[in-house]
mmCIF file of all heavy atoms, coordinates in Angstrom:
data_MODEL
# 
_entry.id   MODEL 
# 
loop_
_atom_site.group_PDB 
_atom_site.id 
_atom_site.type_symbol 
_atom_site.label_atom_id 
_atom_site.label_alt_id 
_atom_site.label_comp_id 
_atom_site.label_asym_id 
_atom_site.label_entity_id 
_atom_site.label_seq_id 
_atom_site.pdbx_PDB_ins_code 
_atom_site.Cartn_x 
_atom_site.Cartn_y 
_atom_site.Cartn_z 
_atom_site.occupancy 
_atom_site.B_iso_or_equiv 
_atom_site.pdbx_formal_charge 
_atom_site.auth_seq_id 
_atom_site.auth_comp_id 
_atom_site.auth_asym_id 
_atom_site.auth_atom_id 
_atom_site.pdbx_PDB_model_num 
ATOM 1   N N   . ILE A 1 1  ? 95.983  101.592 95.470  1.00 0.00 ? 1  ILE A N   1 
ATOM 2   C CA  . ILE A 1 1  ? 96.838  102.753 95.732  1.00 0.00 ? 1  ILE A CA  1 
ATOM 3   C C   . ILE A 1 1  ? 96.100  104.099 95.699  1.00 0.00 ? 1  ILE A C   1 
ATOM 4   O O   . ILE A 1 1  ? 96.304  104.926 96.603  1.00 0.00 ? 1  ILE A O   1 
ATOM 5   C CB  . ILE A 1 1  ? 98.031  102.766 94.751  1.00 0.00 ? 1  ILE A CB  1 
ATOM 6   C CG1 . ILE A 1 1  ? 98.969  101.596 95.056  1.00 0.00 ? 1  ILE A CG1 1 
ATOM 7   C CG2 . ILE A 1 1  ? 98.790  104.085 94.817  1.00 0.00 ? 1  ILE A CG2 1 
ATOM 8   C CD1 . ILE A 1 1  ? 100.074 101.402 94.022  1.00 0.00 ? 1  ILE A CD1 1 
ATOM 9   N N   . PRO A 1 2  ? 95.240  104.393 94.704  1.00 0.00 ? 2  PRO A N   1 
ATOM 10  C CA  . PRO A 1 2  ? 94.680  105.747 94.633  1.00 0.00 ? 2  PRO A CA  1 
ATOM 11  C C   . PRO A 1 2  ? 93.812  106.146 95.823  1.00 0.00 ? 2  PRO A C   1 
ATOM 12  O O   . PRO A 1 2  ? 93.590  107.338 96.060  1.00 0.00 ? 2  PRO A O   1 
ATOM 13  C CB  . PRO A 1 2  ? 93.839  105.706 93.342  1.00 0.00 ? 2  PRO A CB  1 
ATOM 14  C CG  . PRO A 1 2  ? 94.432  104.614 92.529  1.00 0.00 ? 2  PRO A CG  1 
ATOM 15  C CD  . PRO A 1 2  ? 94.861  103.585 93.530  1.00 0.00 ? 2  PRO A CD  1 
ATOM 16  N N   . TYR A 1 3  ? 93.316  105.173 96.577  1.00 0.00 ? 3  TYR A N   1 
ATOM 17  C CA  . TYR A 1 3  ? 92.347  105.476 97.626  1.00 0.00 ? 3  TYR A CA  1 
ATOM 18  C C   . TYR A 1 3  ? 92.923  105.320 99.032  1.00 0.00 ? 3  TYR A C   1 
ATOM 19  O O   . TYR A 1 3  ? 92.189  105.374 100.019 1.00 0.00 ? 3  TYR A O   1 
ATOM 20  C CB  . TYR A 1 3  ? 91.108  104.584 97.448  1.00 0.00 ? 3  TYR A CB  1 
ATOM 21  C CG  . TYR A 1 3  ? 90.525  104.714 96.066  1.00 0.00 ? 3  TYR A CG  1 
ATOM 22  C CD1 . TYR A 1 3  ? 90.845  103.792 95.069  1.00 0.00 ? 3  TYR A CD1 1 
ATOM 23  C CD2 . TYR A 1 3  ? 89.708  105.793 95.734  1.00 0.00 ? 3  TYR A CD2 1 
ATOM 24  C CE1 . TYR A 1 3  ? 90.336  103.940 93.786  1.00 0.00 ? 3  TYR A CE1 1 
ATOM 25  C CE2 . TYR A 1 3  ? 89.196  105.939 94.450  1.00 0.00 ? 3  TYR A CE2 1 
ATOM 26  C CZ  . TYR A 1 3  ? 89.517  105.011 93.484  1.00 0.00 ? 3  TYR A CZ  1 
ATOM 27  O OH  . TYR A 1 3  ? 89.028  105.159 92.204  1.00 0.00 ? 3  TYR A OH  1 
ATOM 28  N N   . ILE A 1 4  ? 94.246  105.142 99.126  1.00 0.00 ? 4  ILE A N   1 
ATOM 29  C CA  . ILE A 1 4  ? 94.881  104.941 100.432 1.00 0.00 ? 4  ILE A CA  1 
ATOM 30  C C   . ILE A 1 4  ? 94.664  106.142 101.346 1.00 0.00 ? 4  ILE A C   1 
ATOM 31  O O   . ILE A 1 4  ? 94.307  105.998 102.522 1.00 0.00 ? 4  ILE A O   1 
ATOM 32  C CB  . ILE A 1 4  ? 96.385  104.655 100.260 1.00 0.00 ? 4  ILE A CB  1 
ATOM 33  C CG1 . ILE A 1 4  ? 96.595  103.246 99.720  1.00 0.00 ? 4  ILE A CG1 1 
ATOM 34  C CG2 . ILE A 1 4  ? 97.119  104.822 101.579 1.00 0.00 ? 4  ILE A CG2 1 
ATOM 35  C CD1 . ILE A 1 4  ? 98.046  102.909 99.442  1.00 0.00 ? 4  ILE A CD1 1 
ATOM 36  N N   . THR A 1 5  ? 94.870  107.345 100.828 1.00 0.00 ? 5  THR A N   1 
ATOM 37  C CA  . THR A 1 5  ? 94.768  108.539 101.671 1.00 0.00 ? 5  THR A CA  1 
ATOM 38  C C   . THR A 1 5  ? 93.337  108.767 102.144 1.00 0.00 ? 5  THR A C   1 
ATOM 39  O O   . THR A 1 5  ? 93.091  109.080 103.316 1.00 0.00 ? 5  THR A O   1 
ATOM 40  C CB  . THR A 1 5  ? 95.269  109.776 100.911 1.00 0.00 ? 5  THR A CB  1 
ATOM 41  O OG1 . THR A 1 5  ? 96.630  109.558 100.540 1.00 0.00 ? 5  THR A OG1 1 
ATOM 42  C CG2 . THR A 1 5  ? 95.184  111.017 101.792 1.00 0.00 ? 5  THR A CG2 1 
ATOM 43  N N   . VAL A 1 6  ? 92.377  108.606 101.224 1.00 0.00 ? 6  VAL A N   1 
ATOM 44  C CA  . VAL A 1 6  ? 90.964  108.776 101.592 1.00 0.00 ? 6  VAL A CA  1 
ATOM 45  C C   . VAL A 1 6  ? 90.578  107.770 102.671 1.00 0.00 ? 6  VAL A C   1 
ATOM 46  O O   . VAL A 1 6  ? 89.897  108.105 103.651 1.00 0.00 ? 6  VAL A O   1 
ATOM 47  C CB  . VAL A 1 6  ? 90.061  108.620 100.349 1.00 0.00 ? 6  VAL A CB  1 
ATOM 48  C CG1 . VAL A 1 6  ? 88.589  108.699 100.740 1.00 0.00 ? 6  VAL A CG1 1 
ATOM 49  C CG2 . VAL A 1 6  ? 90.385  109.701 99.317  1.00 0.00 ? 6  VAL A CG2 1 
ATOM 50  N N   . TYR A 1 7  ? 91.023  106.514 102.518 1.00 0.00 ? 7  TYR A N   1 
ATOM 51  C CA  . TYR A 1 7  ? 90.723  105.476 103.499 1.00 0.00 ? 7  TYR A CA  1 
ATOM 52  C C   . TYR A 1 7  ? 91.399  105.785 104.840 1.00 0.00 ? 7  TYR A C   1 
ATOM 53  O O   . TYR A 1 7  ? 90.787  105.608 105.911 1.00 0.00 ? 7  TYR A O   1 
ATOM 54  C CB  . TYR A 1 7  ? 91.195  104.123 102.972 1.00 0.00 ? 7  TYR A CB  1 
ATOM 55  C CG  . TYR A 1 7  ? 90.823  102.947 103.838 1.00 0.00 ? 7  TYR A CG  1 
ATOM 56  C CD1 . TYR A 1 7  ? 89.526  102.431 103.830 1.00 0.00 ? 7  TYR A CD1 1 
ATOM 57  C CD2 . TYR A 1 7  ? 91.762  102.338 104.677 1.00 0.00 ? 7  TYR A CD2 1 
ATOM 58  C CE1 . TYR A 1 7  ? 89.176  101.343 104.628 1.00 0.00 ? 7  TYR A CE1 1 
ATOM 59  C CE2 . TYR A 1 7  ? 91.425  101.262 105.467 1.00 0.00 ? 7  TYR A CE2 1 
ATOM 60  C CZ  . TYR A 1 7  ? 90.131  100.770 105.447 1.00 0.00 ? 7  TYR A CZ  1 
ATOM 61  O OH  . TYR A 1 7  ? 89.788  99.695  106.235 1.00 0.00 ? 7  TYR A OH  1 
ATOM 62  N N   . ALA A 1 8  ? 92.663  106.258 104.789 1.00 0.00 ? 8  ALA A N   1 
ATOM 63  C CA  . ALA A 1 8  ? 93.384  106.564 106.024 1.00 0.00 ? 8  ALA A CA  1 
ATOM 64  C C   . ALA A 1 8  ? 92.688  107.661 106.821 1.00 0.00 ? 8  ALA A C   1 
ATOM 65  O O   . ALA A 1 8  ? 92.567  107.580 108.046 1.00 0.00 ? 8  ALA A O   1 
ATOM 66  C CB  . ALA A 1 8  ? 94.823  106.975 105.692 1.00 0.00 ? 8  ALA A CB  1 
ATOM 67  N N   . VAL A 1 9  ? 92.221  108.684 106.137 1.00 0.00 ? 9  VAL A N   1 
ATOM 68  C CA  . VAL A 1 9  ? 91.582  109.814 106.819 1.00 0.00 ? 9  VAL A CA  1 
ATOM 69  C C   . VAL A 1 9  ? 90.189  109.437 107.315 1.00 0.00 ? 9  VAL A C   1 
ATOM 70  O O   . VAL A 1 9  ? 89.826  109.698 108.467 1.00 0.00 ? 9  VAL A O   1 
ATOM 71  C CB  . VAL A 1 9  ? 91.516  111.034 105.872 1.00 0.00 ? 9  VAL A CB  1 
ATOM 72  C CG1 . VAL A 1 9  ? 90.670  112.156 106.483 1.00 0.00 ? 9  VAL A CG1 1 
ATOM 73  C CG2 . VAL A 1 9  ? 92.918  111.544 105.567 1.00 0.00 ? 9  VAL A CG2 1 
ATOM 74  N N   . ASN A 1 10 ? 89.399  108.808 106.452 1.00 0.00 ? 10 ASN A N   1 
ATOM 75  C CA  . ASN A 1 10 ? 87.985  108.567 106.765 1.00 0.00 ? 10 ASN A CA  1 
ATOM 76  C C   . ASN A 1 10 ? 87.734  107.341 107.626 1.00 0.00 ? 10 ASN A C   1 
ATOM 77  O O   . ASN A 1 10 ? 86.767  107.310 108.387 1.00 0.00 ? 10 ASN A O   1 
ATOM 78  C CB  . ASN A 1 10 ? 87.178  108.438 105.467 1.00 0.00 ? 10 ASN A CB  1 
ATOM 79  C CG  . ASN A 1 10 ? 87.109  109.737 104.689 1.00 0.00 ? 10 ASN A CG  1 
ATOM 80  O OD1 . ASN A 1 10 ? 88.070  110.484 104.656 1.00 0.00 ? 10 ASN A OD1 1 
ATOM 81  N ND2 . ASN A 1 10 ? 85.982  110.019 104.075 1.00 0.00 ? 10 ASN A ND2 1 
ATOM 82  N N   . ASN A 1 11 ? 88.561  106.308 107.507 1.00 0.00 ? 11 ASN A N   1 
ATOM 83  C CA  . ASN A 1 11 ? 88.304  105.056 108.227 1.00 0.00 ? 11 ASN A CA  1 
ATOM 84  C C   . ASN A 1 11 ? 89.306  104.783 109.346 1.00 0.00 ? 11 ASN A C   1 
ATOM 85  O O   . ASN A 1 11 ? 88.932  104.327 110.421 1.00 0.00 ? 11 ASN A O   1 
ATOM 86  C CB  . ASN A 1 11 ? 88.316  103.867 107.261 1.00 0.00 ? 11 ASN A CB  1 
ATOM 87  C CG  . ASN A 1 11 ? 87.118  103.847 106.342 1.00 0.00 ? 11 ASN A CG  1 
ATOM 88  O OD1 . ASN A 1 11 ? 86.803  104.837 105.699 1.00 0.00 ? 11 ASN A OD1 1 
ATOM 89  N ND2 . ASN A 1 11 ? 86.443  102.700 106.252 1.00 0.00 ? 11 ASN A ND2 1 
ATOM 90  N N   . VAL A 1 12 ? 90.587  105.032 109.055 1.00 0.00 ? 12 VAL A N   1 
ATOM 91  C CA  . VAL A 1 12 ? 91.620  104.707 110.045 1.00 0.00 ? 12 VAL A CA  1 
ATOM 92  C C   . VAL A 1 12 ? 91.712  105.798 111.109 1.00 0.00 ? 12 VAL A C   1 
ATOM 93  O O   . VAL A 1 12 ? 92.164  105.552 112.230 1.00 0.00 ? 12 VAL A O   1 
ATOM 94  C CB  . VAL A 1 12 ? 92.974  104.480 109.343 1.00 0.00 ? 12 VAL A CB  1 
ATOM 95  C CG1 . VAL A 1 12 ? 94.051  104.059 110.344 1.00 0.00 ? 12 VAL A CG1 1 
ATOM 96  C CG2 . VAL A 1 12 ? 92.837  103.410 108.266 1.00 0.00 ? 12 VAL A CG2 1 
ATOM 97  N N   . GLY A 1 13 ? 91.273  107.006 110.756 1.00 0.00 ? 13 GLY A N   1 
ATOM 98  C CA  . GLY A 1 13 ? 91.277  108.095 111.717 1.00 0.00 ? 13 GLY A CA  1 
ATOM 99  C C   . GLY A 1 13 ? 92.567  108.901 111.730 1.00 0.00 ? 13 GLY A C   1 
ATOM 100 O O   . GLY A 1 13 ? 92.874  109.568 112.730 1.00 0.00 ? 13 GLY A O   1 
ATOM 101 N N   . ILE A 1 14 ? 93.323  108.866 110.623 1.00 0.00 ? 14 ILE A N   1 
ATOM 102 C CA  . ILE A 1 14 ? 94.560  109.637 110.539 1.00 0.00 ? 14 ILE A CA  1 
ATOM 103 C C   . ILE A 1 14 ? 94.222  111.088 110.242 1.00 0.00 ? 14 ILE A C   1 
ATOM 104 O O   . ILE A 1 14 ? 93.422  111.390 109.354 1.00 0.00 ? 14 ILE A O   1 
ATOM 105 C CB  . ILE A 1 14 ? 95.485  109.076 109.433 1.00 0.00 ? 14 ILE A CB  1 
ATOM 106 C CG1 . ILE A 1 14 ? 95.754  107.586 109.669 1.00 0.00 ? 14 ILE A CG1 1 
ATOM 107 C CG2 . ILE A 1 14 ? 96.779  109.864 109.353 1.00 0.00 ? 14 ILE A CG2 1 
ATOM 108 C CD1 . ILE A 1 14 ? 96.407  107.274 110.987 1.00 0.00 ? 14 ILE A CD1 1 
ATOM 109 N N   . ASP A 1 15 ? 94.822  112.000 111.004 1.00 0.00 ? 15 ASP A N   1 
ATOM 110 C CA  . ASP A 1 15 ? 94.602  113.425 110.769 1.00 0.00 ? 15 ASP A CA  1 
ATOM 111 C C   . ASP A 1 15 ? 95.194  113.814 109.414 1.00 0.00 ? 15 ASP A C   1 
ATOM 112 O O   . ASP A 1 15 ? 96.310  113.403 109.082 1.00 0.00 ? 15 ASP A O   1 
ATOM 113 C CB  . ASP A 1 15 ? 95.301  114.228 111.880 1.00 0.00 ? 15 ASP A CB  1 
ATOM 114 C CG  . ASP A 1 15 ? 94.928  115.707 111.832 1.00 0.00 ? 15 ASP A CG  1 
ATOM 115 O OD1 . ASP A 1 15 ? 95.321  116.388 110.862 1.00 0.00 ? 15 ASP A OD1 1 
ATOM 116 O OD2 . ASP A 1 15 ? 94.255  116.170 112.772 1.00 0.00 ? 15 ASP A OD2 1 
ATOM 117 N N   . PRO A 1 16 ? 94.447  114.593 108.600 1.00 0.00 ? 16 PRO A N   1 
ATOM 118 C CA  . PRO A 1 16 ? 94.977  114.997 107.278 1.00 0.00 ? 16 PRO A CA  1 
ATOM 119 C C   . PRO A 1 16 ? 96.355  115.655 107.352 1.00 0.00 ? 16 PRO A C   1 
ATOM 120 O O   . PRO A 1 16 ? 97.160  115.510 106.430 1.00 0.00 ? 16 PRO A O   1 
ATOM 121 C CB  . PRO A 1 16 ? 93.916  115.982 106.769 1.00 0.00 ? 16 PRO A CB  1 
ATOM 122 C CG  . PRO A 1 16 ? 92.651  115.554 107.442 1.00 0.00 ? 16 PRO A CG  1 
ATOM 123 C CD  . PRO A 1 16 ? 93.070  115.067 108.806 1.00 0.00 ? 16 PRO A CD  1 
ATOM 124 N N   . HIS A 1 17 ? 96.635  116.366 108.458 1.00 0.00 ? 17 HIS A N   1 
ATOM 125 C CA  . HIS A 1 17 ? 97.939  117.019 108.586 1.00 0.00 ? 17 HIS A CA  1 
ATOM 126 C C   . HIS A 1 17 ? 99.062  116.028 108.880 1.00 0.00 ? 17 HIS A C   1 
ATOM 127 O O   . HIS A 1 17 ? 100.242 116.379 108.790 1.00 0.00 ? 17 HIS A O   1 
ATOM 128 C CB  . HIS A 1 17 ? 97.888  118.084 109.686 1.00 0.00 ? 17 HIS A CB  1 
ATOM 129 C CG  . HIS A 1 17 ? 97.055  119.269 109.327 1.00 0.00 ? 17 HIS A CG  1 
ATOM 130 N ND1 . HIS A 1 17 ? 95.708  119.347 109.624 1.00 0.00 ? 17 HIS A ND1 1 
ATOM 131 C CD2 . HIS A 1 17 ? 97.359  120.406 108.647 1.00 0.00 ? 17 HIS A CD2 1 
ATOM 132 C CE1 . HIS A 1 17 ? 95.219  120.499 109.160 1.00 0.00 ? 17 HIS A CE1 1 
ATOM 133 N NE2 . HIS A 1 17 ? 96.200  121.157 108.572 1.00 0.00 ? 17 HIS A NE2 1 
ATOM 134 N N   . ASP A 1 18 ? 98.699  114.766 109.229 1.00 0.00 ? 18 ASP A N   1 
ATOM 135 C CA  . ASP A 1 18 ? 99.706  113.726 109.459 1.00 0.00 ? 18 ASP A CA  1 
ATOM 136 C C   . ASP A 1 18 ? 99.993  112.902 108.208 1.00 0.00 ? 18 ASP A C   1 
ATOM 137 O O   . ASP A 1 18 ? 100.913 112.066 108.226 1.00 0.00 ? 18 ASP A O   1 
ATOM 138 C CB  . ASP A 1 18 ? 99.249  112.776 110.584 1.00 0.00 ? 18 ASP A CB  1 
ATOM 139 C CG  . ASP A 1 18 ? 99.298  113.436 111.958 1.00 0.00 ? 18 ASP A CG  1 
ATOM 140 O OD1 . ASP A 1 18 ? 100.133 114.350 112.124 1.00 0.00 ? 18 ASP A OD1 1 
ATOM 141 O OD2 . ASP A 1 18 ? 98.508  113.053 112.833 1.00 0.00 ? 18 ASP A OD2 1 
ATOM 142 N N   . ILE A 1 19 ? 99.223  113.107 107.138 1.00 0.00 ? 19 ILE A N   1 
ATOM 143 C CA  . ILE A 1 19 ? 99.415  112.337 105.915 1.00 0.00 ? 19 ILE A CA  1 
ATOM 144 C C   . ILE A 1 19 ? 100.834 112.497 105.350 1.00 0.00 ? 19 ILE A C   1 
ATOM 145 O O   . ILE A 1 19 ? 101.421 111.514 104.869 1.00 0.00 ? 19 ILE A O   1 
ATOM 146 C CB  . ILE A 1 19 ? 98.360  112.720 104.852 1.00 0.00 ? 19 ILE A CB  1 
ATOM 147 C CG1 . ILE A 1 19 ? 96.961  112.243 105.304 1.00 0.00 ? 19 ILE A CG1 1 
ATOM 148 C CG2 . ILE A 1 19 ? 98.699  112.118 103.495 1.00 0.00 ? 19 ILE A CG2 1 
ATOM 149 C CD1 . ILE A 1 19 ? 96.846  110.739 105.473 1.00 0.00 ? 19 ILE A CD1 1 
ATOM 150 N N   . PRO A 1 20 ? 101.456 113.687 105.390 1.00 0.00 ? 20 PRO A N   1 
ATOM 151 C CA  . PRO A 1 20 ? 102.847 113.773 104.900 1.00 0.00 ? 20 PRO A CA  1 
ATOM 152 C C   . PRO A 1 20 ? 103.805 112.805 105.591 1.00 0.00 ? 20 PRO A C   1 
ATOM 153 O O   . PRO A 1 20 ? 104.745 112.313 104.961 1.00 0.00 ? 20 PRO A O   1 
ATOM 154 C CB  . PRO A 1 20 ? 103.219 115.230 105.205 1.00 0.00 ? 20 PRO A CB  1 
ATOM 155 C CG  . PRO A 1 20 ? 101.924 115.973 105.140 1.00 0.00 ? 20 PRO A CG  1 
ATOM 156 C CD  . PRO A 1 20 ? 100.915 115.023 105.720 1.00 0.00 ? 20 PRO A CD  1 
ATOM 157 N N   . PHE A 1 21 ? 103.561 112.498 106.893 1.00 0.00 ? 21 PHE A N   1 
ATOM 158 C CA  . PHE A 1 21 ? 104.430 111.554 107.591 1.00 0.00 ? 21 PHE A CA  1 
ATOM 159 C C   . PHE A 1 21 ? 104.300 110.147 107.001 1.00 0.00 ? 21 PHE A C   1 
ATOM 160 O O   . PHE A 1 21 ? 105.260 109.376 106.995 1.00 0.00 ? 21 PHE A O   1 
ATOM 161 C CB  . PHE A 1 21 ? 104.090 111.523 109.085 1.00 0.00 ? 21 PHE A CB  1 
ATOM 162 C CG  . PHE A 1 21 ? 104.389 112.807 109.797 1.00 0.00 ? 21 PHE A CG  1 
ATOM 163 C CD1 . PHE A 1 21 ? 103.360 113.593 110.293 1.00 0.00 ? 21 PHE A CD1 1 
ATOM 164 C CD2 . PHE A 1 21 ? 105.695 113.243 109.952 1.00 0.00 ? 21 PHE A CD2 1 
ATOM 165 C CE1 . PHE A 1 21 ? 103.624 114.791 110.948 1.00 0.00 ? 21 PHE A CE1 1 
ATOM 166 C CE2 . PHE A 1 21 ? 105.974 114.431 110.608 1.00 0.00 ? 21 PHE A CE2 1 
ATOM 167 C CZ  . PHE A 1 21 ? 104.938 115.213 111.103 1.00 0.00 ? 21 PHE A CZ  1 
ATOM 168 N N   . VAL A 1 22 ? 103.096 109.816 106.521 1.00 0.00 ? 22 VAL A N   1 
ATOM 169 C CA  . VAL A 1 22 ? 102.870 108.506 105.895 1.00 0.00 ? 22 VAL A CA  1 
ATOM 170 C C   . VAL A 1 22 ? 103.759 108.360 104.664 1.00 0.00 ? 22 VAL A C   1 
ATOM 171 O O   . VAL A 1 22 ? 104.443 107.346 104.471 1.00 0.00 ? 22 VAL A O   1 
ATOM 172 C CB  . VAL A 1 22 ? 101.386 108.334 105.518 1.00 0.00 ? 22 VAL A CB  1 
ATOM 173 C CG1 . VAL A 1 22 ? 101.171 107.032 104.752 1.00 0.00 ? 22 VAL A CG1 1 
ATOM 174 C CG2 . VAL A 1 22 ? 100.511 108.369 106.772 1.00 0.00 ? 22 VAL A CG2 1 
ATOM 175 N N   . TYR A 1 23 ? 103.772 109.376 103.825 1.00 0.00 ? 23 TYR A N   1 
ATOM 176 C CA  . TYR A 1 23 ? 104.565 109.329 102.601 1.00 0.00 ? 23 TYR A CA  1 
ATOM 177 C C   . TYR A 1 23 ? 106.055 109.498 102.893 1.00 0.00 ? 23 TYR A C   1 
ATOM 178 O O   . TYR A 1 23 ? 106.899 108.932 102.186 1.00 0.00 ? 23 TYR A O   1 
ATOM 179 C CB  . TYR A 1 23 ? 104.064 110.383 101.611 1.00 0.00 ? 23 TYR A CB  1 
ATOM 180 C CG  . TYR A 1 23 ? 102.747 109.983 100.996 1.00 0.00 ? 23 TYR A CG  1 
ATOM 181 C CD1 . TYR A 1 23 ? 101.540 110.328 101.596 1.00 0.00 ? 23 TYR A CD1 1 
ATOM 182 C CD2 . TYR A 1 23 ? 102.711 109.222 99.834  1.00 0.00 ? 23 TYR A CD2 1 
ATOM 183 C CE1 . TYR A 1 23 ? 100.331 109.934 101.047 1.00 0.00 ? 23 TYR A CE1 1 
ATOM 184 C CE2 . TYR A 1 23 ? 101.507 108.817 99.280  1.00 0.00 ? 23 TYR A CE2 1 
ATOM 185 C CZ  . TYR A 1 23 ? 100.318 109.179 99.884  1.00 0.00 ? 23 TYR A CZ  1 
ATOM 186 O OH  . TYR A 1 23 ? 99.133  108.772 99.350  1.00 0.00 ? 23 TYR A OH  1 
ATOM 187 N N   . LEU A 1 24 ? 106.378 110.261 103.916 1.00 0.00 ? 24 LEU A N   1 
ATOM 188 C CA  . LEU A 1 24 ? 107.781 110.428 104.304 1.00 0.00 ? 24 LEU A CA  1 
ATOM 189 C C   . LEU A 1 24 ? 108.374 109.102 104.749 1.00 0.00 ? 24 LEU A C   1 
ATOM 190 O O   . LEU A 1 24 ? 109.475 108.711 104.321 1.00 0.00 ? 24 LEU A O   1 
ATOM 191 C CB  . LEU A 1 24 ? 107.886 111.464 105.419 1.00 0.00 ? 24 LEU A CB  1 
ATOM 192 C CG  . LEU A 1 24 ? 109.303 111.847 105.870 1.00 0.00 ? 24 LEU A CG  1 
ATOM 193 C CD1 . LEU A 1 24 ? 110.041 112.550 104.741 1.00 0.00 ? 24 LEU A CD1 1 
ATOM 194 C CD2 . LEU A 1 24 ? 109.236 112.735 107.106 1.00 0.00 ? 24 LEU A CD2 1 
ATOM 195 N N   . ALA A 1 25 ? 107.653 108.381 105.611 1.00 0.00 ? 25 ALA A N   1 
ATOM 196 C CA  . ALA A 1 25 ? 108.138 107.084 106.099 1.00 0.00 ? 25 ALA A CA  1 
ATOM 197 C C   . ALA A 1 25 ? 108.217 106.068 104.967 1.00 0.00 ? 25 ALA A C   1 
ATOM 198 O O   . ALA A 1 25 ? 109.215 105.343 104.828 1.00 0.00 ? 25 ALA A O   1 
ATOM 199 C CB  . ALA A 1 25 ? 107.219 106.570 107.214 1.00 0.00 ? 25 ALA A CB  1 
ATOM 200 N N   . GLY A 1 26 ? 107.168 106.014 104.145 1.00 0.00 ? 26 GLY A N   1 
ATOM 201 C CA  . GLY A 1 26 ? 107.164 105.067 103.035 1.00 0.00 ? 26 GLY A CA  1 
ATOM 202 C C   . GLY A 1 26 ? 108.255 105.364 102.029 1.00 0.00 ? 26 GLY A C   1 
ATOM 203 O O   . GLY A 1 26 ? 108.925 104.453 101.529 1.00 0.00 ? 26 GLY A O   1 
ATOM 204 N N   . GLY A 1 27 ? 108.445 106.629 101.722 1.00 0.00 ? 27 GLY A N   1 
ATOM 205 C CA  . GLY A 1 27 ? 109.472 107.008 100.752 1.00 0.00 ? 27 GLY A CA  1 
ATOM 206 C C   . GLY A 1 27 ? 110.872 106.728 101.249 1.00 0.00 ? 27 GLY A C   1 
ATOM 207 O O   . GLY A 1 27 ? 111.721 106.244 100.498 1.00 0.00 ? 27 GLY A O   1 
# 
């Protein structure tokens, strides 16, 4: 869990400004 965001940005190619959508959908 603690490294999901770092992995998403650095490896998956998710834009940092799109990270809130990840948590919005999951929540």
